[in-house]
């Protein structure tokens, strides 16, 4: 008699094997032997996606029937539940599944990728899952129960994409999740002011339409990525309190910062200091999109560079707008900064260069102000500017003897 080596494996090993299989394959293991019959019913991670069904499945093996069957027969705790389905799902079916899950006291991860035509209105029972650590919602409408919602006390990671949620509900959700460390918001609507009160937050990724950004109580942020999708309204005069100071005054531990041009314009609104009163002592990576036709944007970037003594890597994406109008003002801005040395800057990458004078002056400035620069990578916007860019770069002096310049194809 052949030894059934798989069935003799320890329970914790078989659980790890099943966890790495698609759910459909994991359920099929129940026919291997008597010992395997009920193992799939104790899976702690349930992932229902398009791999659960095939196009030739019998009607009784529909996606809805599979989810119902697995949840009905499941024994033991459910740690993770993921629902990802591109075909239309009935709201009543999803409501039934979430109600079932809300009765599971130890669920830690909830991922709902809903592809139905209208946003799925999350049932109120979800908000009773106080032990959730990871919550990811796509194309959903969020309305907590009318009774005071106390947030998710254990939540550490929150990811919303195309989620509709009103201003006060969003602020309450964030403010009442005291352990939140990672926040991703992508193309959400229902609120226009991004106000975050999360003292333990370490990472934030924002893409969307917002009128104001207030990260006042996020002093532990280490990585920030903000992409505004609309031009900001230049509502504040030169004498008003500036967005630049307001934003960076509360970010003493920021290490990596990625911002697009619209957010750079937002930061340029209001008074701009020569440098921050409290420098960004830990900022070592900066990626920014900029138009060299806007002196305010250039001044804002220069102020940020002056305020970042630990900066080691700089990435600049040049906005394709015409930059000729700002040549004189750009040269004046750079002249005032030639006494600044970026003593830690080692890597620079600048893309979409069209070789107008303002851009070339900025490259020349960086080469003369970076004594330990190791590599500058530049990429022209078109083939036409390739040869001219190469000629100009060969003539530029460098403060660093080790600096090499690489020119990429457009």
Protein backbone atom coordinates (compact mmCIF):
# COMPACT_ATOMS: atom_id res chain seq x y z
CA UNK A 1 0.00 0.00 0.00
CA UNK A 2 1.44 3.37 -1.05
CA UNK A 3 2.01 5.85 1.70
CA UNK A 4 -0.22 8.94 1.37
CA UNK A 5 2.45 11.48 2.16
CA UNK A 6 0.21 14.50 1.55
CA UNK A 7 -2.44 13.34 4.01
CA UNK A 8 0.20 12.73 6.64
CA UNK A 9 1.37 16.32 6.56
CA UNK A 10 0.77 18.41 9.72
CA UNK A 11 -2.45 20.42 9.76
CA UNK A 12 -0.67 23.77 9.68
CA UNK A 13 1.19 22.71 6.50
CA UNK A 14 -1.97 21.58 4.69
CA UNK A 15 -3.65 24.85 5.67
CA UNK A 16 -0.82 26.80 4.05
CA UNK A 17 -1.10 24.68 0.89
CA UNK A 18 -4.84 25.27 0.63
CA UNK A 19 -4.42 29.00 1.28
CA UNK A 20 -2.19 29.28 -1.81
CA UNK A 21 -4.69 27.60 -4.13
CA UNK A 22 -7.58 29.33 -5.94
CA UNK A 23 -10.74 28.69 -3.93
CA UNK A 24 -12.19 26.40 -6.61
CA UNK A 25 -9.12 24.17 -6.50
CA UNK A 26 -9.02 24.23 -2.70
CA UNK A 27 -12.62 22.96 -2.51
CA UNK A 28 -11.81 20.17 -4.94
CA UNK A 29 -9.25 18.74 -2.52
CA UNK A 30 -12.17 17.41 -0.46
CA UNK A 31 -12.30 14.33 -2.75
CA UNK A 32 -8.65 13.39 -2.18
CA UNK A 33 -9.26 11.35 0.94
CA UNK A 34 -11.37 11.14 4.06
CA UNK A 35 -8.83 13.27 5.93
CA UNK A 36 -9.11 16.06 3.35
CA UNK A 37 -12.91 16.03 3.15
CA UNK A 38 -13.52 18.92 5.51
CA UNK A 39 -10.25 20.82 5.34
CA UNK A 40 -11.48 23.34 2.75
CA UNK A 41 -14.43 24.14 5.00
CA UNK A 42 -12.02 25.56 7.56
CA UNK A 43 -10.16 27.92 5.23
CA UNK A 44 -9.60 31.26 6.92
CA UNK A 45 -9.03 33.24 3.69
CA UNK A 46 -11.93 33.22 1.22
CA UNK A 47 -11.32 34.82 -2.19
CA UNK A 48 -14.27 34.83 -4.59
CA UNK A 49 -13.28 36.09 -8.03
CA UNK A 50 -13.62 35.14 -11.70
CA UNK A 51 -11.45 32.06 -11.16
CA UNK A 52 -14.19 30.47 -9.08
CA UNK A 53 -16.32 29.67 -12.13
CA UNK A 54 -15.70 28.72 -15.73
CA UNK A 55 -17.67 29.73 -18.80
CA UNK A 56 -18.88 26.12 -19.20
CA UNK A 57 -20.09 25.69 -15.65
CA UNK A 58 -23.48 24.13 -14.96
CA UNK A 59 -26.17 26.66 -13.86
CA UNK A 60 -26.10 25.15 -10.35
CA UNK A 61 -22.40 26.11 -10.22
CA UNK A 62 -23.04 29.81 -10.74
CA UNK A 63 -20.93 32.36 -8.92
CA UNK A 64 -23.73 33.16 -6.46
CA UNK A 65 -24.35 29.48 -5.70
CA UNK A 66 -20.65 28.88 -5.11
CA UNK A 67 -20.40 31.74 -2.60
CA UNK A 68 -23.59 30.59 -0.85
CA UNK A 69 -22.37 27.00 -0.69
CA UNK A 70 -18.93 27.85 0.69
CA UNK A 71 -20.27 30.22 3.36
CA UNK A 72 -23.03 27.79 4.38
CA UNK A 73 -20.67 24.86 4.91
CA UNK A 74 -17.80 26.87 6.34
CA UNK A 75 -16.77 26.10 9.89
CA UNK A 76 -14.40 28.06 12.03
CA UNK A 77 -13.25 31.67 11.77
CA UNK A 78 -12.98 33.68 8.55
CA UNK A 79 -9.94 35.94 8.60
CA UNK A 80 -10.16 37.38 5.07
CA UNK A 81 -13.05 37.83 2.64
CA UNK A 82 -12.51 39.11 -0.88
CA UNK A 83 -15.28 39.58 -3.43
CA UNK A 84 -14.16 40.59 -6.91
CA UNK A 85 -16.58 40.07 -9.77
CA UNK A 86 -16.88 41.91 -13.08
CA UNK A 87 -20.29 40.48 -13.95
CA UNK A 88 -23.43 41.98 -12.49
CA UNK A 89 -24.30 40.85 -8.97
CA UNK A 90 -27.64 41.33 -7.27
CA UNK A 91 -27.59 43.66 -4.28
CA UNK A 92 -29.65 41.18 -2.22
CA UNK A 93 -26.96 38.52 -2.67
CA UNK A 94 -24.15 40.80 -1.53
CA UNK A 95 -26.21 42.04 1.41
CA UNK A 96 -26.76 38.43 2.48
CA UNK A 97 -23.05 37.60 2.35
CA UNK A 98 -21.98 40.68 4.30
CA UNK A 99 -24.64 40.02 6.95
CA UNK A 100 -23.24 36.50 7.31
CA UNK A 101 -19.71 37.85 7.63
CA UNK A 102 -20.70 40.47 10.19
CA UNK A 103 -21.61 37.60 12.51
CA UNK A 104 -18.07 36.27 12.27
CA UNK A 105 -16.30 37.82 15.25
CA UNK A 106 -12.71 37.62 13.98
CA UNK A 107 -12.80 38.80 10.37
CA UNK A 108 -9.68 40.92 9.75
CA UNK A 109 -9.67 41.74 6.03
CA UNK A 110 -12.59 42.80 3.84
CA UNK A 111 -12.15 43.51 0.13
CA UNK A 112 -15.16 44.37 -2.05
CA UNK A 113 -14.42 45.06 -5.72
CA UNK A 114 -17.91 45.67 -7.04
CA UNK A 115 -18.33 46.20 -10.78
CA UNK A 116 -22.11 46.73 -10.90
CA UNK A 117 -23.52 49.70 -12.83
CA UNK A 118 -24.48 51.76 -9.78
CA UNK A 119 -22.42 52.09 -6.58
CA UNK A 120 -23.18 49.35 -4.10
CA UNK A 121 -24.75 50.69 -0.90
CA UNK A 122 -22.79 49.04 1.90
CA UNK A 123 -25.23 47.56 4.47
CA UNK A 124 -24.99 48.95 7.98
CA UNK A 125 -24.04 45.57 9.45
CA UNK A 126 -20.52 45.96 8.02
CA UNK A 127 -19.84 48.73 10.53
CA UNK A 128 -20.23 46.26 13.39
CA UNK A 129 -17.05 44.46 12.29
CA UNK A 130 -14.84 46.16 14.84
CA UNK A 131 -11.88 43.81 14.40
CA UNK A 132 -11.27 44.66 10.73
CA UNK A 133 -7.62 45.57 10.13
CA UNK A 134 -7.73 45.93 6.32
CA UNK A 135 -10.70 47.41 4.42
CA UNK A 136 -10.75 47.89 0.65
CA UNK A 137 -13.85 49.11 -1.19
CA UNK A 138 -14.40 49.78 -4.91
CA UNK A 139 -17.51 51.43 -6.41
CA UNK A 140 -19.42 51.59 -3.15
CA UNK A 141 -21.68 54.04 -1.34
CA UNK A 142 -20.87 54.40 2.34
CA UNK A 143 -23.62 55.35 4.81
CA UNK A 144 -22.92 54.32 8.41
CA UNK A 145 -25.91 53.71 10.71
CA UNK A 146 -27.70 56.71 12.17
CA UNK A 147 -26.60 55.80 15.68
CA UNK A 148 -23.16 57.26 16.49
CA UNK A 149 -20.58 55.30 14.51
CA UNK A 150 -17.47 54.71 16.61
CA UNK A 151 -15.19 53.88 13.68
CA UNK A 152 -13.10 50.76 13.25
CA UNK A 153 -11.01 50.48 16.40
CA UNK A 154 -8.52 48.00 14.85
CA UNK A 155 -8.33 49.37 11.30
CA UNK A 156 -4.77 49.89 10.00
CA UNK A 157 -5.21 49.98 6.20
CA UNK A 158 -8.03 51.73 4.32
CA UNK A 159 -8.33 51.80 0.52
CA UNK A 160 -11.27 53.54 -1.19
CA UNK A 161 -11.59 53.70 -4.98
CA UNK A 162 -14.65 55.30 -6.63
CA UNK A 163 -16.35 55.38 -3.24
CA UNK A 164 -19.08 57.91 -2.48
CA UNK A 165 -19.04 59.24 1.07
CA UNK A 166 -20.12 62.61 2.47
CA UNK A 167 -17.75 65.01 4.25
CA UNK A 168 -18.74 64.50 7.88
CA UNK A 169 -18.97 60.71 7.53
CA UNK A 170 -15.48 60.59 5.99
CA UNK A 171 -13.96 62.75 8.72
CA UNK A 172 -15.68 60.70 11.43
CA UNK A 173 -14.52 57.43 9.86
CA UNK A 174 -10.88 58.56 9.80
CA UNK A 175 -10.98 60.26 13.18
CA UNK A 176 -12.54 57.22 14.85
CA UNK A 177 -9.98 54.76 13.49
CA UNK A 178 -7.13 55.46 15.93
CA UNK A 179 -4.72 52.79 14.59
CA UNK A 180 -4.92 53.78 10.92
CA UNK A 181 -1.46 53.61 9.29
CA UNK A 182 -2.12 53.38 5.52
CA UNK A 183 -4.72 55.42 3.62
CA UNK A 184 -5.39 55.28 -0.14
CA UNK A 185 -8.12 57.37 -1.74
CA UNK A 186 -8.63 57.20 -5.49
CA UNK A 187 -11.34 59.10 -7.39
CA UNK A 188 -13.77 59.30 -4.47
CA UNK A 189 -16.63 61.78 -4.37
CA UNK A 190 -19.15 63.25 -1.96
CA UNK A 191 -16.60 65.41 -0.12
CA UNK A 192 -14.35 68.21 -1.35
CA UNK A 193 -12.11 68.97 1.63
CA UNK A 194 -9.48 66.39 2.46
CA UNK A 195 -9.24 66.67 6.22
CA UNK A 196 -7.26 63.89 7.89
CA UNK A 197 -7.01 63.36 11.64
CA UNK A 198 -4.90 60.22 12.02
CA UNK A 199 -1.92 60.52 14.38
CA UNK A 200 -0.55 57.03 13.56
CA UNK A 201 -0.81 57.42 9.77
CA UNK A 202 2.44 56.45 7.99
CA UNK A 203 1.46 56.31 4.31
CA UNK A 204 -1.08 58.30 2.30
CA UNK A 205 -1.91 58.08 -1.42
CA UNK A 206 -4.45 60.55 -2.79
CA UNK A 207 -5.85 60.93 -6.31
CA UNK A 208 -8.95 63.01 -6.88
CA UNK A 209 -10.72 66.37 -6.89
CA UNK A 210 -10.29 68.39 -3.69
CA UNK A 211 -10.49 72.09 -2.89
CA UNK A 212 -8.40 71.92 0.26
CA UNK A 213 -5.94 69.52 1.87
CA UNK A 214 -5.60 69.53 5.65
CA UNK A 215 -3.23 66.96 7.17
CA UNK A 216 -2.97 68.79 10.48
CA UNK A 217 -2.86 65.77 12.78
CA UNK A 218 -0.63 63.39 10.81
CA UNK A 219 2.79 64.07 12.29
CA UNK A 220 4.00 60.48 11.77
CA UNK A 221 3.53 60.47 8.00
CA UNK A 222 6.57 59.03 6.20
CA UNK A 223 5.31 58.60 2.62
CA UNK A 224 2.97 61.02 0.86
CA UNK A 225 1.64 60.90 -2.71
CA UNK A 226 -0.95 63.50 -3.79
CA UNK A 227 -2.36 63.95 -7.29
CA UNK A 228 -5.07 66.59 -7.63
CA UNK A 229 -7.12 66.21 -10.79
CA UNK A 230 -8.22 69.83 -11.20
CA UNK A 231 -6.50 73.20 -11.21
CA UNK A 232 -6.75 74.88 -7.85
CA UNK A 233 -8.48 78.19 -7.37
CA UNK A 234 -5.99 81.00 -6.71
CA UNK A 235 -8.14 82.47 -3.98
CA UNK A 236 -5.53 83.80 -1.57
CA UNK A 237 -3.51 86.95 -1.97
CA UNK A 238 0.24 87.35 -1.41
CA UNK A 239 -0.21 88.40 2.18
CA UNK A 240 -2.37 85.46 3.22
CA UNK A 241 -1.21 82.43 5.12
CA UNK A 242 0.38 80.11 2.60
CA UNK A 243 -0.56 76.54 1.81
CA UNK A 244 3.12 75.59 1.72
CA UNK A 245 3.66 76.41 5.38
CA UNK A 246 0.31 74.95 6.39
CA UNK A 247 1.08 71.64 4.73
CA UNK A 248 4.71 71.08 5.75
CA UNK A 249 4.41 72.46 9.26
CA UNK A 250 2.67 69.24 10.28
CA UNK A 251 4.98 66.80 8.46
CA UNK A 252 8.19 66.60 10.51
CA UNK A 253 8.93 62.94 9.64
CA UNK A 254 8.11 62.81 5.94
CA UNK A 255 10.64 60.72 3.97
CA UNK A 256 9.16 60.32 0.49
CA UNK A 257 6.97 62.87 -1.31
CA UNK A 258 5.29 62.57 -4.72
CA UNK A 259 3.13 65.44 -5.99
CA UNK A 260 1.65 66.36 -9.35
CA UNK A 261 1.50 69.83 -10.87
CA UNK A 262 -1.98 70.69 -9.60
CA UNK A 263 -0.94 70.04 -6.01
CA UNK A 264 2.26 72.00 -6.58
CA UNK A 265 0.08 74.93 -7.68
CA UNK A 266 -1.97 74.43 -4.52
CA UNK A 267 1.19 74.65 -2.40
CA UNK A 268 2.24 77.85 -4.18
CA UNK A 269 -0.89 79.71 -3.06
CA UNK A 270 -0.30 82.39 -0.43
CA UNK A 271 2.90 83.54 1.23
CA UNK A 272 6.02 81.52 0.48
CA UNK A 273 8.92 81.62 2.97
CA UNK A 274 12.57 81.61 2.01
CA UNK A 275 12.70 78.19 3.64
CA UNK A 276 10.63 76.24 6.13
CA UNK A 277 11.07 77.24 9.80
CA UNK A 278 11.27 73.50 10.53
CA UNK A 279 13.21 71.79 7.72
CA UNK A 280 12.14 68.42 6.31
CA UNK A 281 15.02 66.67 8.04
CA UNK A 282 14.08 63.18 6.83
CA UNK A 283 12.89 63.88 3.27
CA UNK A 284 15.19 61.82 1.03
CA UNK A 285 12.99 61.33 -2.07
CA UNK A 286 11.02 63.96 -4.01
CA UNK A 287 9.04 63.48 -7.21
CA UNK A 288 7.28 66.51 -8.66
CA UNK A 289 5.55 67.57 -11.87
CA UNK A 290 6.24 71.19 -12.82
CA UNK A 291 5.71 73.78 -15.53
CA UNK A 292 8.71 76.04 -16.14
CA UNK A 293 6.26 78.60 -17.46
CA UNK A 294 5.00 79.30 -13.94
CA UNK A 295 7.46 81.20 -11.68
CA UNK A 296 5.34 80.40 -8.60
CA UNK A 297 5.77 76.68 -9.18
CA UNK A 298 9.52 77.05 -9.63
CA UNK A 299 9.83 79.17 -6.48
CA UNK A 300 7.85 76.57 -4.53
CA UNK A 301 10.10 73.73 -5.70
CA UNK A 302 13.22 75.74 -4.86
CA UNK A 303 11.87 76.50 -1.39
CA UNK A 304 11.22 72.81 -0.85
CA UNK A 305 14.76 71.96 -2.01
CA UNK A 306 16.24 74.53 0.37
CA UNK A 307 14.20 73.02 3.19
CA UNK A 308 15.25 69.41 2.54
CA UNK A 309 18.86 68.96 3.71
CA UNK A 310 18.67 65.14 3.53
CA UNK A 311 17.34 64.91 -0.03
CA UNK A 312 19.11 62.15 -1.98
CA UNK A 313 16.87 61.51 -4.99
CA UNK A 314 14.96 64.01 -7.12
CA UNK A 315 12.57 63.22 -9.97
CA UNK A 316 11.05 65.98 -12.11
CA UNK A 317 8.40 65.54 -14.77
CA UNK A 318 8.27 68.62 -16.98
CA UNK A 319 4.79 69.73 -17.94
CA UNK A 320 4.54 70.01 -21.75
CA UNK A 321 3.28 73.59 -21.71
CA UNK A 322 5.38 76.31 -23.38
CA UNK A 323 7.91 77.73 -20.95
CA UNK A 324 9.32 80.72 -22.84
CA UNK A 325 7.33 83.34 -20.95
CA UNK A 326 9.14 82.77 -17.66
CA UNK A 327 12.78 82.77 -18.79
CA UNK A 328 13.74 86.05 -17.06
CA UNK A 329 11.91 85.27 -13.84
CA UNK A 330 13.31 81.73 -13.71
CA UNK A 331 16.84 83.00 -14.15
CA UNK A 332 16.29 85.48 -11.31
CA UNK A 333 14.94 82.72 -9.03
CA UNK A 334 17.91 80.49 -9.75
CA UNK A 335 20.44 83.30 -9.30
CA UNK A 336 19.15 83.88 -5.79
CA UNK A 337 19.74 80.19 -4.98
CA UNK A 338 23.23 79.65 -6.34
CA UNK A 339 24.66 79.90 -2.83
CA UNK A 340 22.62 76.82 -1.82
CA UNK A 341 24.32 73.42 -1.87
CA UNK A 342 22.37 70.18 -1.91
CA UNK A 343 24.97 68.19 -0.04
CA UNK A 344 23.14 64.84 -0.05
CA UNK A 345 21.62 64.86 -3.55
CA UNK A 346 22.94 61.86 -5.49
CA UNK A 347 20.35 60.96 -8.13
CA UNK A 348 18.37 63.29 -10.40
CA UNK A 349 15.98 62.32 -13.18
CA UNK A 350 14.25 64.90 -15.39
CA UNK A 351 11.82 63.78 -18.10
CA UNK A 352 9.90 65.43 -20.96
CA UNK A 353 12.45 68.20 -21.49
CA UNK A 354 11.77 70.42 -24.50
CA UNK A 355 15.12 72.25 -24.22
CA UNK A 356 13.75 75.74 -23.65
CA UNK A 357 16.13 78.03 -21.76
CA UNK A 358 14.28 77.94 -18.43
CA UNK A 359 14.60 74.15 -18.28
CA UNK A 360 18.28 74.19 -19.26
CA UNK A 361 19.02 76.88 -16.68
CA UNK A 362 17.44 74.70 -14.02
CA UNK A 363 19.57 71.69 -15.04
CA UNK A 364 22.69 73.85 -15.00
CA UNK A 365 21.74 75.11 -11.54
CA UNK A 366 21.35 71.58 -10.17
CA UNK A 367 24.70 70.46 -11.60
CA UNK A 368 26.47 73.42 -10.00
CA UNK A 369 24.71 73.00 -6.63
CA UNK A 370 25.10 69.25 -6.03
CA UNK A 371 28.65 68.42 -4.82
CA UNK A 372 28.02 64.67 -4.35
CA UNK A 373 25.80 64.06 -7.39
CA UNK A 374 26.39 60.63 -8.90
CA UNK A 375 24.00 60.49 -11.82
CA UNK A 376 21.64 62.82 -13.66
CA UNK A 377 19.26 61.15 -16.10
CA UNK A 378 17.45 63.34 -18.62
CA UNK A 379 14.88 62.45 -21.24
CA UNK A 380 13.82 64.85 -24.03
CA UNK A 381 10.19 65.24 -24.95
CA UNK A 382 10.79 64.54 -28.64
CA UNK A 383 13.39 63.27 -31.09
CA UNK A 384 13.81 66.80 -32.45
CA UNK A 385 15.26 68.08 -29.16
CA UNK A 386 17.54 65.07 -28.57
CA UNK A 387 20.69 66.29 -30.33
CA UNK A 388 20.41 69.86 -29.02
CA UNK A 389 19.96 68.61 -25.47
CA UNK A 390 23.03 66.42 -25.76
CA UNK A 391 25.16 69.32 -26.98
CA UNK A 392 23.99 71.61 -24.18
CA UNK A 393 24.59 69.04 -21.45
CA UNK A 394 28.17 68.42 -22.56
CA UNK A 395 28.96 72.11 -21.99
CA UNK A 396 27.51 72.36 -18.48
CA UNK A 397 29.94 72.45 -15.54
CA UNK A 398 29.44 70.09 -12.63
CA UNK A 399 30.28 70.60 -8.98
CA UNK A 400 30.60 66.86 -8.47
CA UNK A 401 33.59 65.16 -10.08
CA UNK A 402 31.77 61.82 -10.02
CA UNK A 403 28.58 63.03 -11.70
CA UNK A 404 27.64 61.30 -14.92
CA UNK A 405 24.86 62.39 -17.26
CA UNK A 406 22.67 59.88 -19.05
CA UNK A 407 20.38 60.90 -21.90
CA UNK A 408 17.46 58.57 -22.58
CA UNK A 409 15.60 58.18 -25.85
CA UNK A 410 12.35 60.18 -26.03
